[in-house]
N, C-alpha and C. Protein backbone atom coordinates (compact mmCIF):
# COMPACT_ATOMS: atom_id res chain seq x y z
N MET A 1 0.85 -1.15 0.02
CA MET A 1 0.06 0.02 -0.05
C MET A 1 0.92 1.18 0.00
N GLU A 2 0.59 2.09 -0.86
CA GLU A 2 1.42 3.40 -0.96
C GLU A 2 0.99 4.28 0.27
N GLY A 3 1.94 5.16 0.57
CA GLY A 3 1.83 6.11 1.65
C GLY A 3 0.56 6.73 1.85
N ASN A 4 0.04 7.32 0.66
CA ASN A 4 -1.17 8.07 0.46
C ASN A 4 -2.33 7.23 1.02
N ASP A 5 -2.36 6.05 0.29
CA ASP A 5 -3.39 5.15 0.47
C ASP A 5 -3.41 4.59 1.98
N PHE A 6 -2.37 4.35 2.55
CA PHE A 6 -2.17 3.99 3.97
C PHE A 6 -2.79 5.15 4.83
N LYS A 7 -2.42 6.41 4.45
CA LYS A 7 -2.99 7.47 5.31
C LYS A 7 -4.51 7.50 5.28
N LYS A 8 -5.10 7.22 4.06
CA LYS A 8 -6.52 7.33 3.99
C LYS A 8 -7.22 6.30 4.61
N GLU A 9 -6.55 5.16 4.77
CA GLU A 9 -7.19 3.99 5.65
C GLU A 9 -7.08 4.33 7.11
N ARG A 10 -6.00 5.00 7.51
CA ARG A 10 -5.84 5.38 8.88
C ARG A 10 -6.88 6.37 9.20
N ILE A 11 -7.21 7.34 8.36
CA ILE A 11 -8.14 8.32 8.60
C ILE A 11 -9.58 7.62 8.65
N ARG A 12 -9.71 6.72 7.66
CA ARG A 12 -11.04 5.97 7.81
C ARG A 12 -11.25 5.17 9.05
N LEU A 13 -10.08 4.44 9.57
CA LEU A 13 -10.18 3.86 10.69
C LEU A 13 -10.54 4.76 11.88
N GLY A 14 -10.05 5.92 11.92
CA GLY A 14 -10.17 6.89 12.95
C GLY A 14 -11.62 7.40 12.93
N LYS A 15 -12.26 7.73 11.73
CA LYS A 15 -13.60 8.10 11.70
C LYS A 15 -14.71 7.00 12.18
N ARG A 16 -14.19 5.82 11.79
CA ARG A 16 -15.10 4.61 12.30
C ARG A 16 -15.13 4.50 13.89
N ILE A 17 -13.87 4.64 14.45
CA ILE A 17 -13.80 4.59 15.85
C ILE A 17 -14.63 5.71 16.46
N MET A 18 -14.51 6.92 15.83
CA MET A 18 -15.24 8.09 16.35
C MET A 18 -16.87 7.78 16.32
N TYR A 19 -17.15 7.29 15.17
CA TYR A 19 -18.57 6.86 14.95
C TYR A 19 -19.02 5.94 16.00
N LEU A 20 -18.27 4.80 16.26
CA LEU A 20 -18.74 3.85 17.14
C LEU A 20 -18.80 4.38 18.55
N ARG A 21 -17.80 5.26 18.98
CA ARG A 21 -17.65 5.85 20.15
C ARG A 21 -18.86 6.71 20.41
N ASN A 22 -19.33 7.52 19.53
CA ASN A 22 -20.52 8.24 19.69
C ASN A 22 -21.86 7.48 19.63
N GLN A 23 -21.92 6.18 19.25
CA GLN A 23 -22.97 5.47 19.18
C GLN A 23 -23.06 4.75 20.65
N TYR A 24 -22.01 4.53 21.28
CA TYR A 24 -22.00 4.00 22.53
C TYR A 24 -22.60 5.09 23.58
N ILE A 25 -23.64 4.71 24.28
CA ILE A 25 -24.33 5.61 25.22
C ILE A 25 -24.05 5.19 26.54
N ASN A 26 -23.34 6.18 27.37
CA ASN A 26 -23.06 5.89 28.81
C ASN A 26 -24.27 5.71 29.58
N LYS A 27 -24.43 4.59 30.29
CA LYS A 27 -25.68 4.34 31.00
C LYS A 27 -25.96 5.24 32.16
N ASP A 28 -24.83 5.90 32.77
CA ASP A 28 -25.05 6.84 33.89
C ASP A 28 -25.37 8.26 33.43
N THR A 29 -24.77 8.61 32.26
CA THR A 29 -25.07 10.05 31.80
C THR A 29 -26.13 10.07 30.74
N GLY A 30 -26.24 9.07 30.04
CA GLY A 30 -27.21 9.01 28.94
C GLY A 30 -26.61 9.73 27.65
N LYS A 31 -25.31 9.92 27.77
CA LYS A 31 -24.66 10.69 26.67
C LYS A 31 -23.59 9.73 25.96
N PRO A 32 -23.20 10.15 24.72
CA PRO A 32 -22.24 9.40 24.16
C PRO A 32 -20.95 9.26 24.85
N MET A 33 -20.22 8.35 24.72
CA MET A 33 -18.94 8.13 25.29
C MET A 33 -17.90 9.25 24.78
N SER A 34 -17.28 9.87 25.68
CA SER A 34 -16.31 10.95 25.30
C SER A 34 -14.98 10.30 24.89
N GLN A 35 -14.07 11.18 24.44
CA GLN A 35 -12.70 10.52 24.16
C GLN A 35 -12.04 10.43 25.47
N GLU A 36 -12.22 11.28 26.44
CA GLU A 36 -11.76 11.24 27.81
C GLU A 36 -12.19 9.90 28.43
N GLU A 37 -13.47 9.48 28.36
CA GLU A 37 -13.98 8.41 28.98
C GLU A 37 -13.29 7.09 28.34
N LEU A 38 -13.27 7.10 27.00
CA LEU A 38 -12.67 6.00 26.29
C LEU A 38 -11.20 5.87 26.67
N GLY A 39 -10.47 7.04 26.73
CA GLY A 39 -9.12 6.91 27.29
C GLY A 39 -8.88 6.36 28.60
N LEU A 40 -9.90 6.77 29.57
CA LEU A 40 -9.84 6.22 31.02
C LEU A 40 -10.10 4.76 30.93
N ARG A 41 -11.05 4.21 30.14
CA ARG A 41 -11.42 2.89 30.16
C ARG A 41 -10.33 2.00 29.51
N THR A 42 -9.57 2.56 28.59
CA THR A 42 -8.58 1.75 27.91
C THR A 42 -7.07 1.96 28.53
N GLY A 43 -6.97 2.93 29.41
CA GLY A 43 -5.69 3.28 29.78
C GLY A 43 -4.80 4.22 28.96
N PHE A 44 -5.45 4.86 27.97
CA PHE A 44 -4.68 5.64 27.05
C PHE A 44 -5.18 7.14 27.28
N ALA A 45 -4.25 8.07 27.08
CA ALA A 45 -4.59 9.45 27.27
C ALA A 45 -5.61 9.84 26.20
N LYS A 46 -6.42 10.90 26.71
CA LYS A 46 -7.43 11.43 25.74
C LYS A 46 -6.93 11.99 24.49
N ASN A 47 -5.61 12.62 24.45
CA ASN A 47 -5.03 13.11 23.23
C ASN A 47 -4.64 11.93 22.40
N HIS A 48 -4.28 10.77 22.84
CA HIS A 48 -3.89 9.65 22.03
C HIS A 48 -5.14 9.09 21.35
N ILE A 49 -6.32 9.10 22.03
CA ILE A 49 -7.49 8.66 21.42
C ILE A 49 -7.89 9.74 20.21
N GLY A 50 -7.69 11.03 20.49
CA GLY A 50 -7.89 12.00 19.60
C GLY A 50 -7.09 11.79 18.28
N LYS A 51 -5.78 11.65 18.52
CA LYS A 51 -4.94 11.38 17.33
C LYS A 51 -5.29 10.19 16.55
N ILE A 52 -5.67 9.16 17.13
CA ILE A 52 -6.22 7.90 16.54
C ILE A 52 -7.36 8.17 15.64
N GLU A 53 -8.36 9.14 16.22
CA GLU A 53 -9.66 9.45 15.57
C GLU A 53 -9.23 10.33 14.40
N ARG A 54 -8.30 11.26 14.45
CA ARG A 54 -7.99 12.08 13.41
C ARG A 54 -7.02 11.40 12.38
N GLY A 55 -6.57 10.25 12.61
CA GLY A 55 -5.70 9.48 11.72
C GLY A 55 -4.34 9.98 11.75
N GLN A 56 -3.78 10.55 12.86
CA GLN A 56 -2.51 11.03 12.95
C GLN A 56 -1.47 10.21 13.56
N THR A 57 -1.86 8.95 14.00
CA THR A 57 -1.03 8.03 14.44
C THR A 57 -1.40 6.61 14.09
N ASN A 58 -0.45 5.74 14.09
CA ASN A 58 -0.75 4.28 13.83
C ASN A 58 -0.96 3.57 15.02
N PRO A 59 -2.18 3.25 15.39
CA PRO A 59 -2.36 2.50 16.68
C PRO A 59 -1.84 1.04 16.54
N LYS A 60 -1.34 0.59 17.71
CA LYS A 60 -0.91 -0.80 17.74
C LYS A 60 -2.11 -1.53 17.94
N ILE A 61 -1.94 -2.90 17.61
CA ILE A 61 -3.11 -3.85 17.47
C ILE A 61 -3.70 -3.90 19.00
N GLU A 62 -2.82 -3.94 19.85
CA GLU A 62 -3.29 -4.07 21.34
C GLU A 62 -4.28 -2.92 21.59
N THR A 63 -3.97 -1.81 21.12
CA THR A 63 -4.76 -0.60 21.20
C THR A 63 -6.09 -0.79 20.72
N LEU A 64 -6.16 -1.26 19.49
CA LEU A 64 -7.45 -1.46 18.69
C LEU A 64 -8.31 -2.54 19.44
N PHE A 65 -7.58 -3.64 19.98
CA PHE A 65 -8.36 -4.54 20.76
C PHE A 65 -8.98 -3.91 21.89
N ALA A 66 -8.23 -3.15 22.70
CA ALA A 66 -8.79 -2.51 23.92
C ALA A 66 -9.93 -1.39 23.57
N ILE A 67 -9.71 -0.70 22.41
CA ILE A 67 -10.85 0.23 21.98
C ILE A 67 -12.08 -0.62 21.73
N ALA A 68 -11.92 -1.69 20.83
CA ALA A 68 -13.07 -2.50 20.45
C ALA A 68 -13.78 -3.09 21.66
N LYS A 69 -13.11 -3.59 22.80
CA LYS A 69 -13.58 -4.19 23.85
C LYS A 69 -14.47 -3.06 24.60
N GLU A 70 -13.87 -1.99 24.79
CA GLU A 70 -14.74 -0.91 25.64
C GLU A 70 -15.88 -0.36 24.74
N LEU A 71 -15.85 -0.42 23.42
CA LEU A 71 -17.02 -0.09 22.61
C LEU A 71 -17.98 -1.26 22.47
N GLY A 72 -17.67 -2.33 22.94
CA GLY A 72 -18.53 -3.35 22.93
C GLY A 72 -18.70 -4.06 21.51
N VAL A 73 -17.65 -4.01 20.78
CA VAL A 73 -17.76 -4.40 19.31
C VAL A 73 -16.60 -5.41 19.11
N ASP A 74 -16.66 -6.23 17.98
CA ASP A 74 -15.64 -7.05 17.53
C ASP A 74 -14.53 -6.15 16.87
N ILE A 75 -13.33 -6.48 17.01
CA ILE A 75 -12.20 -5.73 16.27
C ILE A 75 -12.53 -5.45 14.71
N LYS A 76 -13.03 -6.43 14.13
CA LYS A 76 -13.36 -6.42 12.73
C LYS A 76 -14.32 -5.19 12.43
N ASP A 77 -15.21 -4.88 13.43
CA ASP A 77 -16.13 -3.77 13.27
C ASP A 77 -15.40 -2.43 13.14
N LEU A 78 -14.26 -2.35 13.66
CA LEU A 78 -13.57 -1.12 13.49
C LEU A 78 -13.05 -0.73 12.09
N PHE A 79 -13.23 -1.77 11.23
CA PHE A 79 -12.56 -1.71 9.80
C PHE A 79 -13.71 -1.71 8.77
N GLU A 80 -14.99 -1.79 9.15
CA GLU A 80 -16.11 -1.91 8.37
C GLU A 80 -16.61 -0.44 7.96
């Protein structure tokens, strides 16, 4: 995959994670999960979650598994 294609896929992954995060409704607040909440649940900083969602960083597979788990989805759902 060429560099530009890889960047597009990274951005697409980030948008998908953001979409799924916003679909997850916190039972206590009744609001969508924030980047901060996802960061706290996964052990990653809020700004790291933001960089992933903006496609600015290459997340490790372990990071993607942790995000998928906290969003209640299978890891393959992050790539659809």
